[in-house]
């Protein structure tokens, strides 16, 4: 039982880290391209969706 609890904590921590990294990456890519804080925030909210879009498009 304890082993399952530890696995769940690790999964949650990994997902949270991935989401925050995706948001940061999206904001940096967006700001570099568009030079707009508003677009950077919007793209940061879209997170990995924008990162994948940018990788396919460019």
C-alpha atoms as a PDB file:
ATOM      1  CA  UNK A   1       0.000   0.000   0.000  1.00  0.00           C
ATOM      2  CA  UNK A   2       2.800   2.417   0.862  1.00  0.00           C
ATOM      3  CA  UNK A   3       4.536   1.629  -2.415  1.00  0.00           C
ATOM      4  CA  UNK A   4       1.446   2.654  -4.416  1.00  0.00           C
ATOM      5  CA  UNK A   5       1.226   5.919  -2.470  1.00  0.00           C
ATOM      6  CA  UNK A   6       4.875   6.725  -3.257  1.00  0.00           C
ATOM      7  CA  UNK A   7       4.315   6.016  -6.966  1.00  0.00           C
ATOM      8  CA  UNK A   8       1.293   8.314  -7.027  1.00  0.00           C
ATOM      9  CA  UNK A   9       3.289  11.114  -5.404  1.00  0.00           C
ATOM     10  CA  UNK A  10       6.089  10.696  -7.950  1.00  0.00           C
ATOM     11  CA  UNK A  11       3.658  10.748 -10.864  1.00  0.00           C
ATOM     12  CA  UNK A  12       1.920  13.888  -9.579  1.00  0.00           C
ATOM     13  CA  UNK A  13       5.266  15.625  -9.035  1.00  0.00           C
ATOM     14  CA  UNK A  14       6.463  14.699 -12.532  1.00  0.00           C
ATOM     15  CA  UNK A  15       3.258  15.906 -14.181  1.00  0.00           C
ATOM     16  CA  UNK A  16       3.363  19.188 -12.270  1.00  0.00           C
ATOM     17  CA  UNK A  17       6.985  19.748 -13.273  1.00  0.00           C
ATOM     18  CA  UNK A  18       6.172  18.986 -16.907  1.00  0.00           C
ATOM     19  CA  UNK A  19       3.275  21.406 -16.928  1.00  0.00           C
ATOM     20  CA  UNK A  20       5.284  24.250 -15.418  1.00  0.00           C
ATOM     21  CA  UNK A  21       8.214  23.579 -17.768  1.00  0.00           C
ATOM     22  CA  UNK A  22       5.839  23.528 -20.748  1.00  0.00           C
ATOM     23  CA  UNK A  23       4.328  26.838 -19.704  1.00  0.00           C
ATOM     24  CA  UNK A  24       7.721  28.467 -19.272  1.00  0.00           C
ATOM     25  CA  UNK A  25       8.950  27.119 -22.599  1.00  0.00           C
ATOM     26  CA  UNK A  26       5.815  28.322 -24.397  1.00  0.00           C
ATOM     27  CA  UNK A  27       6.171  31.807 -22.910  1.00  0.00           C
ATOM     28  CA  UNK A  28       9.843  32.086 -23.884  1.00  0.00           C
ATOM     29  CA  UNK A  29       9.183  30.911 -27.451  1.00  0.00           C
ATOM     30  CA  UNK A  30       6.219  33.260 -27.756  1.00  0.00           C
ATOM     31  CA  UNK A  31       8.015  36.315 -26.399  1.00  0.00           C
ATOM     32  CA  UNK A  32      11.054  35.641 -28.575  1.00  0.00           C
ATOM     33  CA  UNK A  33       8.892  35.522 -31.701  1.00  0.00           C
ATOM     34  CA  UNK A  34       6.210  38.119 -31.054  1.00  0.00           C
ATOM     35  CA  UNK A  35       7.833  40.480 -28.490  1.00  0.00           C
ATOM     36  CA  UNK A  36       4.510  40.728 -26.680  1.00  0.00           C
ATOM     37  CA  UNK A  37       3.879  39.989 -23.032  1.00  0.00           C
ATOM     38  CA  UNK A  38       0.155  39.491 -23.677  1.00  0.00           C
ATOM     39  CA  UNK A  39       0.813  36.777 -26.295  1.00  0.00           C
ATOM     40  CA  UNK A  40       3.420  35.201 -24.018  1.00  0.00           C
ATOM     41  CA  UNK A  41       0.838  34.903 -21.236  1.00  0.00           C
ATOM     42  CA  UNK A  42      -1.789  33.471 -23.582  1.00  0.00           C
ATOM     43  CA  UNK A  43       0.652  30.950 -25.011  1.00  0.00           C
ATOM     44  CA  UNK A  44       1.864  30.106 -21.503  1.00  0.00           C
ATOM     45  CA  UNK A  45      -1.692  29.194 -20.573  1.00  0.00           C
ATOM     46  CA  UNK A  46      -1.865  26.908 -23.605  1.00  0.00           C
ATOM     47  CA  UNK A  47       1.447  25.376 -22.485  1.00  0.00           C
ATOM     48  CA  UNK A  48       2.486  22.271 -24.436  1.00  0.00           C
ATOM     49  CA  UNK A  49      -0.157  22.840 -27.115  1.00  0.00           C
ATOM     50  CA  UNK A  50       1.681  25.959 -28.276  1.00  0.00           C
ATOM     51  CA  UNK A  51       5.092  24.282 -28.000  1.00  0.00           C
ATOM     52  CA  UNK A  52       3.971  21.396 -30.213  1.00  0.00           C
ATOM     53  CA  UNK A  53       2.290  23.813 -32.652  1.00  0.00           C
ATOM     54  CA  UNK A  54       5.494  25.872 -32.890  1.00  0.00           C
ATOM     55  CA  UNK A  55       7.621  22.758 -33.455  1.00  0.00           C
ATOM     56  CA  UNK A  56       5.372  21.590 -36.300  1.00  0.00           C
ATOM     57  CA  UNK A  57       4.857  25.012 -37.878  1.00  0.00           C
ATOM     58  CA  UNK A  58       8.461  26.244 -37.788  1.00  0.00           C
END
